[in-house]
Amino acid sequence: MTFFPNPCELRDLRDLPGCTVIALPPEIDLCNGAGLYQRIMSAVDARADRLRVLVLDLTGTHFMDSQGVRLVDDVRRALQPRARVRVVAAPDGVACRVLELTGIRRDVPVYDDLAEALDS
């Protein structure tokens, strides 16, 4: 029997002072977009009193369609006014290209690596 990973599973979640970093799965599409949103917002709600920056790490995401863009935008809109979302995406990756083509980069800052996102 072959076991497949849960497509709605977050790869990693790290808490830093005032900041939470969430690494998203290798694929984001219609199959898992809604489930990922629920998991991300559960993490956000658990940290609502101290969260200032939420970093969504897409460096390990190899496939993303419009559901990934919708996920990022929905999370951005759902955050408390004092919290901001930042995205990390490999500059030559699919996720970065999808974010660029859809124009979401106008509303959400996208960084090439995690260190850059955390320093801003």
N, C-alpha and C. Protein backbone atom coordinates (compact mmCIF):
# COMPACT_ATOMS: atom_id res chain seq x y z
N MET A 1 0.84 -1.16 0.00
CA MET A 1 0.00 0.00 0.00
C MET A 1 0.89 1.24 0.00
N THR A 2 0.57 2.18 -0.86
CA THR A 2 1.30 3.44 -0.94
C THR A 2 0.52 4.52 -0.23
N PHE A 3 1.19 5.22 0.66
CA PHE A 3 0.56 6.32 1.37
C PHE A 3 0.99 7.62 0.73
N PHE A 4 0.03 8.45 0.40
CA PHE A 4 0.30 9.75 -0.18
C PHE A 4 0.17 10.81 0.89
N PRO A 5 0.98 11.85 0.83
CA PRO A 5 0.86 12.91 1.84
C PRO A 5 -0.48 13.63 1.71
N ASN A 6 -0.94 14.15 2.82
CA ASN A 6 -2.17 14.93 2.84
C ASN A 6 -1.92 16.23 2.07
N PRO A 7 -2.69 16.50 1.01
CA PRO A 7 -2.44 17.70 0.20
C PRO A 7 -2.75 19.01 0.93
N CYS A 8 -3.43 18.92 2.07
CA CYS A 8 -3.75 20.13 2.83
C CYS A 8 -2.80 20.32 4.02
N GLU A 9 -1.79 19.50 4.09
CA GLU A 9 -0.84 19.56 5.18
C GLU A 9 0.16 20.69 4.93
N LEU A 10 0.37 21.52 5.94
CA LEU A 10 1.40 22.55 5.84
C LEU A 10 2.75 21.88 6.03
N ARG A 11 3.73 22.26 5.21
CA ARG A 11 5.04 21.62 5.30
C ARG A 11 5.77 21.98 6.58
N ASP A 12 5.61 23.23 7.03
CA ASP A 12 6.32 23.69 8.21
C ASP A 12 5.63 24.94 8.74
N LEU A 13 5.68 25.12 10.03
CA LEU A 13 5.14 26.32 10.65
C LEU A 13 6.12 26.73 11.73
N ARG A 14 6.65 27.94 11.61
CA ARG A 14 7.63 28.43 12.58
C ARG A 14 7.18 29.76 13.15
N ASP A 15 7.28 29.89 14.45
CA ASP A 15 6.97 31.16 15.12
C ASP A 15 8.25 31.88 15.47
N LEU A 16 8.33 33.12 15.05
CA LEU A 16 9.41 34.02 15.39
C LEU A 16 8.77 35.21 16.11
N PRO A 17 9.54 36.05 16.77
CA PRO A 17 8.91 37.19 17.46
C PRO A 17 8.09 38.06 16.50
N GLY A 18 6.77 38.08 16.72
CA GLY A 18 5.87 38.89 15.91
C GLY A 18 5.62 38.39 14.51
N CYS A 19 6.17 37.24 14.19
CA CYS A 19 6.12 36.73 12.81
C CYS A 19 5.88 35.22 12.82
N THR A 20 5.08 34.77 11.89
CA THR A 20 4.88 33.34 11.69
C THR A 20 5.21 33.01 10.24
N VAL A 21 5.99 31.96 10.05
CA VAL A 21 6.37 31.50 8.71
C VAL A 21 5.67 30.17 8.47
N ILE A 22 4.92 30.11 7.37
CA ILE A 22 4.22 28.88 7.00
C ILE A 22 4.71 28.44 5.64
N ALA A 23 5.30 27.24 5.59
CA ALA A 23 5.76 26.66 4.33
C ALA A 23 4.60 25.86 3.73
N LEU A 24 4.25 26.21 2.51
CA LEU A 24 3.11 25.58 1.85
C LEU A 24 3.55 24.34 1.06
N PRO A 25 2.60 23.47 0.72
CA PRO A 25 2.94 22.18 0.09
C PRO A 25 3.41 22.31 -1.36
N PRO A 26 3.90 21.22 -1.93
CA PRO A 26 4.42 21.24 -3.30
C PRO A 26 3.38 21.61 -4.36
N GLU A 27 2.11 21.36 -4.10
CA GLU A 27 1.06 21.68 -5.06
C GLU A 27 -0.07 22.42 -4.37
N ILE A 28 -0.55 23.47 -5.04
CA ILE A 28 -1.72 24.19 -4.56
C ILE A 28 -2.67 24.31 -5.75
N ASP A 29 -3.84 23.72 -5.59
CA ASP A 29 -4.83 23.74 -6.68
C ASP A 29 -6.23 23.61 -6.09
N LEU A 30 -7.18 23.34 -6.94
CA LEU A 30 -8.58 23.23 -6.52
C LEU A 30 -8.76 22.15 -5.45
N CYS A 31 -7.95 21.13 -5.50
CA CYS A 31 -8.05 20.01 -4.57
C CYS A 31 -7.77 20.42 -3.12
N ASN A 32 -6.83 21.33 -2.92
CA ASN A 32 -6.43 21.61 -1.54
C ASN A 32 -6.49 23.07 -1.13
N GLY A 33 -6.87 23.97 -2.01
CA GLY A 33 -6.88 25.40 -1.68
C GLY A 33 -7.72 25.75 -0.47
N ALA A 34 -8.94 25.26 -0.42
CA ALA A 34 -9.83 25.58 0.71
C ALA A 34 -9.31 24.98 2.02
N GLY A 35 -8.79 23.78 1.96
CA GLY A 35 -8.25 23.15 3.17
C GLY A 35 -7.02 23.88 3.69
N LEU A 36 -6.17 24.33 2.78
CA LEU A 36 -4.99 25.10 3.19
C LEU A 36 -5.40 26.42 3.84
N TYR A 37 -6.41 27.06 3.27
CA TYR A 37 -6.90 28.32 3.84
C TYR A 37 -7.34 28.09 5.29
N GLN A 38 -8.08 27.03 5.52
CA GLN A 38 -8.55 26.74 6.88
C GLN A 38 -7.39 26.51 7.83
N ARG A 39 -6.39 25.78 7.39
CA ARG A 39 -5.24 25.51 8.26
C ARG A 39 -4.43 26.79 8.53
N ILE A 40 -4.24 27.59 7.50
CA ILE A 40 -3.51 28.85 7.69
C ILE A 40 -4.26 29.76 8.65
N MET A 41 -5.57 29.89 8.46
CA MET A 41 -6.34 30.78 9.32
C MET A 41 -6.43 30.25 10.75
N SER A 42 -6.39 28.95 10.93
CA SER A 42 -6.34 28.39 12.29
C SER A 42 -5.05 28.81 12.98
N ALA A 43 -3.95 28.76 12.24
CA ALA A 43 -2.66 29.19 12.79
C ALA A 43 -2.68 30.69 13.08
N VAL A 44 -3.26 31.46 12.18
CA VAL A 44 -3.36 32.92 12.38
C VAL A 44 -4.22 33.22 13.60
N ASP A 45 -5.36 32.58 13.72
CA ASP A 45 -6.26 32.83 14.86
C ASP A 45 -5.59 32.49 16.19
N ALA A 46 -4.79 31.44 16.21
CA ALA A 46 -4.11 31.04 17.44
C ALA A 46 -3.04 32.05 17.86
N ARG A 47 -2.61 32.90 16.92
CA ARG A 47 -1.56 33.88 17.21
C ARG A 47 -2.05 35.32 17.04
N ALA A 48 -3.34 35.50 16.98
CA ALA A 48 -3.94 36.80 16.62
C ALA A 48 -3.44 37.95 17.50
N ASP A 49 -3.22 37.70 18.78
CA ASP A 49 -2.81 38.77 19.68
C ASP A 49 -1.37 39.23 19.47
N ARG A 50 -0.54 38.42 18.80
CA ARG A 50 0.87 38.78 18.66
C ARG A 50 1.38 38.78 17.23
N LEU A 51 0.54 38.42 16.28
CA LEU A 51 0.99 38.31 14.90
C LEU A 51 1.06 39.68 14.23
N ARG A 52 2.23 40.01 13.71
CA ARG A 52 2.43 41.25 12.96
C ARG A 52 2.70 40.96 11.49
N VAL A 53 3.42 39.86 11.23
CA VAL A 53 3.79 39.49 9.87
C VAL A 53 3.55 37.99 9.69
N LEU A 54 2.87 37.65 8.60
CA LEU A 54 2.68 36.26 8.21
C LEU A 54 3.43 36.05 6.91
N VAL A 55 4.38 35.13 6.91
CA VAL A 55 5.15 34.83 5.71
C VAL A 55 4.67 33.50 5.15
N LEU A 56 4.18 33.53 3.92
CA LEU A 56 3.78 32.31 3.23
C LEU A 56 4.94 31.90 2.33
N ASP A 57 5.54 30.78 2.64
CA ASP A 57 6.73 30.31 1.93
C ASP A 57 6.32 29.35 0.80
N LEU A 58 6.46 29.82 -0.43
CA LEU A 58 6.12 29.01 -1.61
C LEU A 58 7.36 28.45 -2.31
N THR A 59 8.52 28.50 -1.66
CA THR A 59 9.73 28.02 -2.32
C THR A 59 9.69 26.53 -2.62
N GLY A 60 8.92 25.78 -1.86
CA GLY A 60 8.78 24.35 -2.12
C GLY A 60 7.55 23.99 -2.95
N THR A 61 6.85 25.01 -3.44
CA THR A 61 5.65 24.78 -4.23
C THR A 61 6.03 24.71 -5.70
N HIS A 62 5.82 23.54 -6.30
CA HIS A 62 6.24 23.31 -7.69
C HIS A 62 5.09 23.44 -8.68
N PHE A 63 3.86 23.40 -8.17
CA PHE A 63 2.69 23.62 -9.02
C PHE A 63 1.70 24.48 -8.27
N MET A 64 1.19 25.50 -8.95
CA MET A 64 0.19 26.37 -8.36
C MET A 64 -0.65 26.94 -9.48
N ASP A 65 -1.96 26.83 -9.33
CA ASP A 65 -2.84 27.45 -10.31
C ASP A 65 -3.50 28.66 -9.66
N SER A 66 -4.60 29.11 -10.21
CA SER A 66 -5.27 30.31 -9.69
C SER A 66 -5.75 30.14 -8.25
N GLN A 67 -5.92 28.91 -7.81
CA GLN A 67 -6.33 28.68 -6.42
C GLN A 67 -5.25 29.13 -5.44
N GLY A 68 -4.00 29.03 -5.85
CA GLY A 68 -2.91 29.52 -5.01
C GLY A 68 -2.94 31.03 -4.87
N VAL A 69 -3.25 31.70 -5.96
CA VAL A 69 -3.38 33.16 -5.94
C VAL A 69 -4.56 33.54 -5.06
N ARG A 70 -5.65 32.84 -5.24
CA ARG A 70 -6.83 33.10 -4.42
C ARG A 70 -6.53 32.88 -2.94
N LEU A 71 -5.78 31.84 -2.63
CA LEU A 71 -5.40 31.55 -1.26
C LEU A 71 -4.63 32.73 -0.66
N VAL A 72 -3.62 33.19 -1.36
CA VAL A 72 -2.80 34.31 -0.87
C VAL A 72 -3.68 35.55 -0.67
N ASP A 73 -4.52 35.86 -1.63
CA ASP A 73 -5.37 37.04 -1.53
C ASP A 73 -6.41 36.90 -0.41
N ASP A 74 -7.01 35.74 -0.27
CA ASP A 74 -7.98 35.52 0.80
C ASP A 74 -7.33 35.66 2.18
N VAL A 75 -6.13 35.12 2.33
CA VAL A 75 -5.42 35.25 3.61
C VAL A 75 -5.11 36.72 3.86
N ARG A 76 -4.64 37.43 2.86
CA ARG A 76 -4.32 38.86 3.00
C ARG A 76 -5.54 39.63 3.49
N ARG A 77 -6.68 39.36 2.89
CA ARG A 77 -7.90 40.09 3.24
C ARG A 77 -8.43 39.72 4.63
N ALA A 78 -8.15 38.50 5.08
CA ALA A 78 -8.68 38.03 6.36
C ALA A 78 -7.84 38.44 7.57
N LEU A 79 -6.61 38.88 7.34
CA LEU A 79 -5.74 39.25 8.46
C LEU A 79 -6.25 40.50 9.17
N GLN A 80 -5.90 40.58 10.44
CA GLN A 80 -6.19 41.79 11.21
C GLN A 80 -5.49 42.97 10.54
N PRO A 81 -6.02 44.18 10.69
CA PRO A 81 -5.41 45.35 10.04
C PRO A 81 -3.94 45.57 10.40
N ARG A 82 -3.55 45.20 11.61
CA ARG A 82 -2.15 45.42 12.01
C ARG A 82 -1.18 44.35 11.48
N ALA A 83 -1.71 43.28 10.93
CA ALA A 83 -0.86 42.19 10.42
C ALA A 83 -0.71 42.30 8.90
N ARG A 84 0.45 41.94 8.43
CA ARG A 84 0.75 41.97 7.00
C ARG A 84 1.17 40.59 6.52
N VAL A 85 0.90 40.32 5.27
CA VAL A 85 1.34 39.06 4.66
C VAL A 85 2.48 39.35 3.70
N ARG A 86 3.45 38.46 3.71
CA ARG A 86 4.56 38.49 2.76
C ARG A 86 4.66 37.10 2.15
N VAL A 87 5.12 37.05 0.93
CA VAL A 87 5.25 35.77 0.22
C VAL A 87 6.71 35.58 -0.19
N VAL A 88 7.18 34.36 -0.04
CA VAL A 88 8.51 33.98 -0.54
C VAL A 88 8.29 32.98 -1.66
N ALA A 89 8.88 33.26 -2.81
CA ALA A 89 8.76 32.36 -3.97
C ALA A 89 10.07 32.39 -4.74
N ALA A 90 10.53 31.22 -5.14
CA ALA A 90 11.76 31.13 -5.94
C ALA A 90 11.57 31.94 -7.22
N PRO A 91 12.51 32.82 -7.55
CA PRO A 91 12.33 33.71 -8.70
C PRO A 91 12.14 32.98 -10.03
N ASP A 92 12.64 31.78 -10.15
CA ASP A 92 12.49 31.04 -11.40
C ASP A 92 11.43 29.94 -11.30
N GLY A 93 10.64 29.99 -10.23
CA GLY A 93 9.64 28.95 -10.00
C GLY A 93 8.27 29.28 -10.56
N VAL A 94 7.45 28.25 -10.63
CA VAL A 94 6.09 28.38 -11.14
C VAL A 94 5.27 29.33 -10.28
N ALA A 95 5.39 29.21 -8.96
CA ALA A 95 4.59 30.04 -8.06
C ALA A 95 4.87 31.53 -8.30
N CYS A 96 6.13 31.88 -8.45
CA CYS A 96 6.50 33.26 -8.69
C CYS A 96 5.91 33.76 -10.01
N ARG A 97 5.97 32.94 -11.01
CA ARG A 97 5.44 33.32 -12.32
C ARG A 97 3.91 33.50 -12.27
N VAL A 98 3.22 32.61 -11.59
CA VAL A 98 1.76 32.73 -11.46
C VAL A 98 1.40 34.00 -10.69
N LEU A 99 2.12 34.30 -9.62
CA LEU A 99 1.86 35.51 -8.86
C LEU A 99 2.08 36.76 -9.72
N GLU A 100 3.09 36.71 -10.55
CA GLU A 100 3.38 37.84 -11.44
C GLU A 100 2.31 38.00 -12.51
N LEU A 101 1.94 36.92 -13.15
CA LEU A 101 0.95 36.98 -14.24
C LEU A 101 -0.42 37.46 -13.77
N THR A 102 -0.78 37.12 -12.55
CA THR A 102 -2.11 37.48 -12.05
C THR A 102 -2.15 38.88 -11.43
N GLY A 103 -1.01 39.48 -11.20
CA GLY A 103 -0.97 40.83 -10.66
C GLY A 103 -1.07 40.93 -9.15
N ILE A 104 -1.09 39.83 -8.45
CA ILE A 104 -1.22 39.86 -6.98
C ILE A 104 0.01 40.52 -6.34
N ARG A 105 1.10 40.56 -7.06
CA ARG A 105 2.32 41.19 -6.53
C ARG A 105 2.12 42.68 -6.26
N ARG A 106 1.13 43.28 -6.87
CA ARG A 106 0.83 44.69 -6.58
C ARG A 106 0.31 44.86 -5.16
N ASP A 107 -0.35 43.83 -4.64
CA ASP A 107 -0.98 43.91 -3.31
C ASP A 107 -0.20 43.20 -2.22
N VAL A 108 0.61 42.24 -2.61
CA VAL A 108 1.35 41.42 -1.64
C VAL A 108 2.83 41.43 -2.04
N PRO A 109 3.71 41.83 -1.12
CA PRO A 109 5.13 41.79 -1.45
C PRO A 109 5.63 40.35 -1.60
N VAL A 110 6.38 40.11 -2.67
CA VAL A 110 6.94 38.78 -2.95
C VAL A 110 8.46 38.90 -2.91
N TYR A 111 9.08 38.03 -2.12
CA TYR A 111 10.53 38.06 -1.93
C TYR A 111 11.15 36.79 -2.50
N ASP A 112 12.42 36.90 -2.88
CA ASP A 112 13.14 35.77 -3.47
C ASP A 112 13.55 34.72 -2.46
N ASP A 113 13.79 35.14 -1.22
CA ASP A 113 14.19 34.16 -0.19
C ASP A 113 13.66 34.59 1.18
N LEU A 114 13.67 33.66 2.09
CA LEU A 114 13.07 33.86 3.40
C LEU A 114 13.80 34.95 4.18
N ALA A 115 15.12 34.98 4.12
CA ALA A 115 15.87 36.00 4.86
C ALA A 115 15.46 37.40 4.43
N GLU A 116 15.28 37.59 3.14
CA GLU A 116 14.87 38.89 2.62
C GLU A 116 13.47 39.27 3.13
N ALA A 117 12.57 38.31 3.16
CA ALA A 117 11.21 38.57 3.64
C ALA A 117 11.20 38.93 5.13
N LEU A 118 12.05 38.27 5.90
CA LEU A 118 12.10 38.53 7.33
C LEU A 118 12.77 39.86 7.66
N ASP A 119 13.71 40.29 6.82
CA ASP A 119 14.43 41.54 7.06
C ASP A 119 13.63 42.78 6.69
N SER A 120 12.63 42.63 5.86
CA SER A 120 11.88 43.81 5.38
C SER A 120 10.93 44.35 6.42
